[in-house]
């Protein structure tokens, strides 16, 4: 299956997690009549209490036979390290900007990291249905921000959309039909490149681990991005430091893929670029 890997970045309270909720709903991730939770990606208790995203969390949806891996990232500068790690796993970014507030200082920090990595942005002007929205001004401010951060010509020629994440629609034009998020899905597929790692499928397996977790029954859980090759359950893997020194050897006991809000064990008959391995 072809795939796209994207991150959604924005200032605090500009609507990232709400938009992801709607992407999950409209992609058919939820069963019909399934009970859902508002801000489902904010699964941590502290995140729900404060109403902000603290930890970057991946999810995955299918759209017209193509898999889109999505990362909901923190918007607060205090969690900048989390943002930097997760941006190394994606091939494009959706910059969500409040149409009334425009890009904010913390937007500048996260956007600078994305542009420096060579990621091409899609700008989504959110909350355009609010009474104080000024989408044209916000769009001009986004262009000025990119220019001030040294964006190249391709990054400056970014596509943009108008949206209301809470109402579940995004359109290429401000006076569009305001029906659903189909146009956003289609733009992601068109604008974000497929993972370049696919061309290295026949090389030895390497993976950049970005997050370390643990499971009481399985053990350590590594989340990251496959850079070359493929991995199968039961294989021996070496953990190396940044300077190439051996840390340890271990055996992979399970390979998990993000499917909606859950993680499912998978076989790997085909290359998988973003996944969770457990050892």
Protein backbone atom coordinates (compact mmCIF):
# COMPACT_ATOMS: atom_id res chain seq x y z
CA UNK A 1 0.00 0.00 0.00
CA UNK A 2 1.28 3.47 -0.89
CA UNK A 3 1.62 5.87 2.04
CA UNK A 4 2.21 9.44 3.18
CA UNK A 5 3.76 10.54 6.49
CA UNK A 6 2.75 13.97 7.82
CA UNK A 7 2.88 15.98 11.02
CA UNK A 8 0.32 18.55 12.07
CA UNK A 9 1.95 21.55 13.75
CA UNK A 10 0.43 24.68 15.23
CA UNK A 11 0.35 27.04 18.17
CA UNK A 12 -1.47 25.96 21.33
CA UNK A 13 -5.27 25.96 20.90
CA UNK A 14 -5.23 26.51 17.15
CA UNK A 15 -7.13 23.26 16.64
CA UNK A 16 -4.62 20.49 15.85
CA UNK A 17 -6.12 17.72 17.94
CA UNK A 18 -9.69 18.65 17.03
CA UNK A 19 -8.79 18.45 13.35
CA UNK A 20 -7.24 15.01 13.84
CA UNK A 21 -10.47 13.88 15.53
CA UNK A 22 -12.38 14.80 12.38
CA UNK A 23 -9.80 13.17 10.09
CA UNK A 24 -10.26 9.94 12.03
CA UNK A 25 -14.03 10.14 11.83
CA UNK A 26 -14.24 10.97 8.13
CA UNK A 27 -11.66 8.37 7.05
CA UNK A 28 -13.88 5.61 8.43
CA UNK A 29 -11.56 4.78 11.32
CA UNK A 30 -14.49 4.54 13.72
CA UNK A 31 -17.20 1.93 13.31
CA UNK A 32 -20.71 3.16 12.68
CA UNK A 33 -22.33 4.20 15.99
CA UNK A 34 -19.01 3.68 17.84
CA UNK A 35 -18.69 5.85 20.94
CA UNK A 36 -15.92 8.42 20.44
CA UNK A 37 -14.08 10.79 22.75
CA UNK A 38 -13.47 14.47 22.02
CA UNK A 39 -9.75 15.22 21.57
CA UNK A 40 -9.07 11.49 21.37
CA UNK A 41 -5.36 11.99 20.70
CA UNK A 42 -4.89 13.75 24.06
CA UNK A 43 -4.87 10.45 25.94
CA UNK A 44 -2.62 11.52 28.79
CA UNK A 45 -4.42 12.63 31.98
CA UNK A 46 -2.37 15.84 32.23
CA UNK A 47 -3.14 16.67 28.61
CA UNK A 48 -6.87 16.34 29.23
CA UNK A 49 -6.66 18.39 32.40
CA UNK A 50 -4.75 21.25 30.77
CA UNK A 51 -6.38 20.95 27.34
CA UNK A 52 -3.07 20.88 25.47
CA UNK A 53 -0.95 18.32 23.65
CA UNK A 54 2.27 17.42 25.48
CA UNK A 55 3.39 14.18 23.85
CA UNK A 56 3.59 13.61 20.10
CA UNK A 57 1.27 10.76 19.13
CA UNK A 58 1.01 8.98 15.78
CA UNK A 59 -2.16 7.69 14.22
CA UNK A 60 -2.98 6.20 10.85
CA UNK A 61 -5.92 6.42 8.46
CA UNK A 62 -6.76 5.06 5.03
CA UNK A 63 -7.92 7.28 2.19
CA UNK A 64 -8.84 5.90 -1.23
CA UNK A 65 -6.59 2.87 -0.78
CA UNK A 66 -3.62 4.90 0.50
CA UNK A 67 -2.36 4.97 4.09
CA UNK A 68 -1.74 8.34 5.71
CA UNK A 69 0.35 8.27 8.89
CA UNK A 70 -0.38 11.39 10.96
CA UNK A 71 1.47 12.77 13.97
CA UNK A 72 -0.27 15.19 16.33
CA UNK A 73 2.55 17.30 17.78
CA UNK A 74 2.84 19.58 20.83
CA UNK A 75 2.39 23.28 20.16
CA UNK A 76 4.06 24.67 23.27
CA UNK A 77 7.73 25.73 23.13
CA UNK A 78 8.41 23.82 26.36
CA UNK A 79 7.98 20.59 24.41
CA UNK A 80 10.22 21.60 21.49
CA UNK A 81 12.41 18.53 21.84
CA UNK A 82 9.39 16.31 21.30
CA UNK A 83 8.57 18.22 18.12
CA UNK A 84 12.09 17.94 16.72
CA UNK A 85 12.21 14.18 17.24
CA UNK A 86 8.89 13.52 15.58
CA UNK A 87 9.57 15.73 12.56
CA UNK A 88 12.36 13.35 11.56
CA UNK A 89 9.68 10.70 10.91
CA UNK A 90 7.58 12.59 8.35
CA UNK A 91 7.81 13.82 4.77
CA UNK A 92 5.53 16.85 4.99
CA UNK A 93 3.76 19.11 7.47
CA UNK A 94 0.32 20.63 7.78
CA UNK A 95 0.67 24.03 9.45
CA UNK A 96 -2.62 24.87 11.13
CA UNK A 97 -3.12 28.59 11.80
CA UNK A 98 -5.99 30.32 13.55
CA UNK A 99 -7.45 32.68 10.94
CA UNK A 100 -8.04 35.33 13.61
CA UNK A 101 -4.74 35.14 15.49
CA UNK A 102 -2.40 34.29 12.62
CA UNK A 103 0.95 32.57 13.19
CA UNK A 104 2.14 32.96 16.78
CA UNK A 105 5.66 32.99 18.30
CA UNK A 106 5.58 29.28 19.11
CA UNK A 107 4.48 28.59 15.53
CA UNK A 108 7.74 30.19 14.43
CA UNK A 109 9.84 27.76 16.48
CA UNK A 110 8.17 24.60 15.20
CA UNK A 111 7.95 25.86 11.61
CA UNK A 112 11.65 26.75 11.56
CA UNK A 113 12.50 23.16 12.45
CA UNK A 114 10.24 21.80 9.71
CA UNK A 115 11.64 24.13 7.04
CA UNK A 116 15.23 23.38 8.07
CA UNK A 117 14.52 19.67 7.49
CA UNK A 118 13.36 20.50 3.96
CA UNK A 119 9.72 19.65 4.60
CA UNK A 120 7.22 21.37 2.32
CA UNK A 121 4.27 22.83 4.23
CA UNK A 122 0.55 22.87 3.62
CA UNK A 123 -1.07 25.87 5.33
CA UNK A 124 -4.56 25.36 6.71
CA UNK A 125 -6.29 28.53 7.88
CA UNK A 126 -8.53 27.22 10.62
CA UNK A 127 -11.61 28.73 12.29
CA UNK A 128 -12.43 30.91 9.26
CA UNK A 129 -16.10 30.79 10.29
CA UNK A 130 -15.41 32.87 13.41
CA UNK A 131 -16.63 36.45 13.40
CA UNK A 132 -13.14 37.94 13.91
CA UNK A 133 -11.40 35.75 11.33
CA UNK A 134 -9.11 37.51 8.84
CA UNK A 135 -7.85 34.68 6.60
CA UNK A 136 -6.20 36.93 4.00
CA UNK A 137 -4.11 38.68 6.67
CA UNK A 138 -3.24 35.38 8.32
CA UNK A 139 -2.16 33.94 4.95
CA UNK A 140 0.10 36.95 4.25
CA UNK A 141 1.64 36.58 7.71
CA UNK A 142 2.38 32.90 7.01
CA UNK A 143 4.22 33.84 3.81
CA UNK A 144 6.20 36.53 5.65
CA UNK A 145 7.05 34.03 8.39
CA UNK A 146 8.35 31.46 5.91
CA UNK A 147 10.41 34.10 4.13
CA UNK A 148 11.95 35.32 7.39
CA UNK A 149 12.89 31.73 8.26
CA UNK A 150 14.79 31.27 5.01
CA UNK A 151 12.30 29.04 3.20
CA UNK A 152 13.30 28.05 -0.32
CA UNK A 153 11.23 28.82 -3.41
CA UNK A 154 9.43 25.48 -3.31
CA UNK A 155 8.49 25.94 0.35
CA UNK A 156 7.29 29.49 -0.32
CA UNK A 157 5.03 28.20 -3.08
CA UNK A 158 2.89 26.43 -0.49
CA UNK A 159 -0.72 25.39 -1.06
CA UNK A 160 -3.29 26.70 1.42
CA UNK A 161 -6.81 25.81 2.50
CA UNK A 162 -9.63 27.32 4.53
CA UNK A 163 -11.13 25.18 7.25
CA UNK A 164 -13.20 24.73 10.37
CA UNK A 165 -11.78 21.73 12.19
CA UNK A 166 -14.57 21.70 14.77
CA UNK A 167 -17.22 21.59 12.03
CA UNK A 168 -15.26 19.06 9.99
CA UNK A 169 -14.64 20.78 6.67
CA UNK A 170 -11.76 22.18 4.60
CA UNK A 171 -11.88 23.76 1.13
CA UNK A 172 -9.44 25.22 -1.37
CA UNK A 173 -11.61 28.34 -1.63
CA UNK A 174 -13.05 30.46 1.17
CA UNK A 175 -16.54 30.20 -0.32
CA UNK A 176 -16.29 26.46 -0.97
CA UNK A 177 -19.01 23.92 -0.20
CA UNK A 178 -17.92 23.49 3.47
CA UNK A 179 -19.01 19.88 3.42
CA UNK A 180 -16.14 17.66 4.63
CA UNK A 181 -12.37 17.13 4.70
CA UNK A 182 -12.08 15.37 1.33
CA UNK A 183 -10.14 18.25 -0.22
CA UNK A 184 -7.58 18.14 2.61
CA UNK A 185 -7.06 14.40 2.24
CA UNK A 186 -6.62 14.80 -1.53
CA UNK A 187 -4.15 17.69 -1.09
CA UNK A 188 -2.02 15.67 1.35
CA UNK A 189 -1.85 12.78 -1.13
CA UNK A 190 -0.92 15.16 -3.97
CA UNK A 191 1.52 17.49 -2.19
CA UNK A 192 3.36 15.24 0.29
CA UNK A 193 5.92 12.91 -1.35
CA UNK A 194 6.01 9.20 -0.74
CA UNK A 195 8.76 8.09 1.69
CA UNK A 196 12.14 8.14 -0.03
CA UNK A 197 13.19 5.20 2.16
CA UNK A 198 11.20 2.86 -0.08
CA UNK A 199 14.03 2.85 -2.62
CA UNK A 200 16.36 1.30 -0.01
CA UNK A 201 14.13 -1.70 0.70
CA UNK A 202 16.81 -4.20 -0.36
CA UNK A 203 19.52 -2.80 1.92
CA UNK A 204 20.26 -4.09 5.45
CA UNK A 205 17.75 -3.03 8.08
CA UNK A 206 18.31 0.26 9.93
CA UNK A 207 15.87 2.29 11.99
CA UNK A 208 16.06 5.65 13.75
CA UNK A 209 14.30 5.24 17.10
CA UNK A 210 12.65 8.45 18.29
CA UNK A 211 10.65 7.31 21.33
CA UNK A 212 11.33 4.69 23.99
CA UNK A 213 8.46 3.21 25.98
CA UNK A 214 7.66 0.08 27.95
CA UNK A 215 4.96 -2.55 28.25
CA UNK A 216 4.51 -4.71 31.34
CA UNK A 217 4.00 -7.87 29.27
CA UNK A 218 6.16 -7.32 26.19
CA UNK A 219 9.06 -5.18 27.38
CA UNK A 220 10.69 -2.19 25.78
CA UNK A 221 8.88 -0.49 22.92
CA UNK A 222 10.75 1.51 20.28
CA UNK A 223 8.91 3.92 18.01
CA UNK A 224 10.76 5.24 15.01
CA UNK A 225 11.24 5.28 11.28
CA UNK A 226 12.73 2.56 9.13
CA UNK A 227 15.52 4.10 7.06
CA UNK A 228 16.57 1.02 5.07
CA UNK A 229 15.55 -2.59 4.64
CA UNK A 230 12.81 -4.61 6.30
CA UNK A 231 12.34 -6.24 9.69
CA UNK A 232 10.66 -9.48 10.69
CA UNK A 233 9.61 -10.82 14.06
CA UNK A 234 12.31 -12.92 15.69
CA UNK A 235 15.27 -11.21 14.04
CA UNK A 236 18.27 -10.06 16.04
CA UNK A 237 18.89 -6.31 16.07
CA UNK A 238 21.81 -4.24 17.30
CA UNK A 239 21.25 -0.96 19.16
CA UNK A 240 23.97 1.57 18.30
CA UNK A 241 24.84 4.94 19.80
CA UNK A 242 25.15 8.08 17.68
CA UNK A 243 28.87 7.47 17.21
CA UNK A 244 28.28 3.88 16.12
CA UNK A 245 29.21 2.09 19.34
CA UNK A 246 27.31 -1.07 20.22
CA UNK A 247 24.86 -0.61 23.10
CA UNK A 248 23.29 -4.07 23.09
CA UNK A 249 21.81 -6.87 21.00
CA UNK A 250 18.18 -7.88 21.29
CA UNK A 251 15.52 -9.94 19.54
CA UNK A 252 12.39 -8.38 18.06
CA UNK A 253 9.36 -10.12 19.55
CA UNK A 254 6.56 -8.12 17.98
CA UNK A 255 6.04 -5.48 15.29
CA UNK A 256 3.13 -3.11 15.72
CA UNK A 257 1.52 -0.68 13.29
CA UNK A 258 -0.63 2.32 14.13
CA UNK A 259 -4.19 1.79 12.95
CA UNK A 260 -6.48 4.58 14.02
CA UNK A 261 -6.06 5.10 17.77
CA UNK A 262 -4.80 1.58 18.43
CA UNK A 263 -1.69 -0.41 17.61
CA UNK A 264 -2.02 -3.78 15.93
CA UNK A 265 0.50 -6.59 15.50
CA UNK A 266 1.44 -7.04 11.86
CA UNK A 267 3.47 -9.30 9.63
CA UNK A 268 5.72 -7.45 7.24
CA UNK A 269 5.19 -8.87 3.75
CA UNK A 270 5.62 -5.36 2.34
CA UNK A 271 7.87 -2.47 3.39
CA UNK A 272 6.66 -0.49 6.40
CA UNK A 273 8.21 2.94 6.88
CA UNK A 274 6.70 4.21 10.15
CA UNK A 275 5.81 1.65 12.79
CA UNK A 276 6.44 0.52 16.33
CA UNK A 277 8.74 -2.42 17.07
CA UNK A 278 8.66 -4.12 20.44
CA UNK A 279 11.48 -6.12 21.93
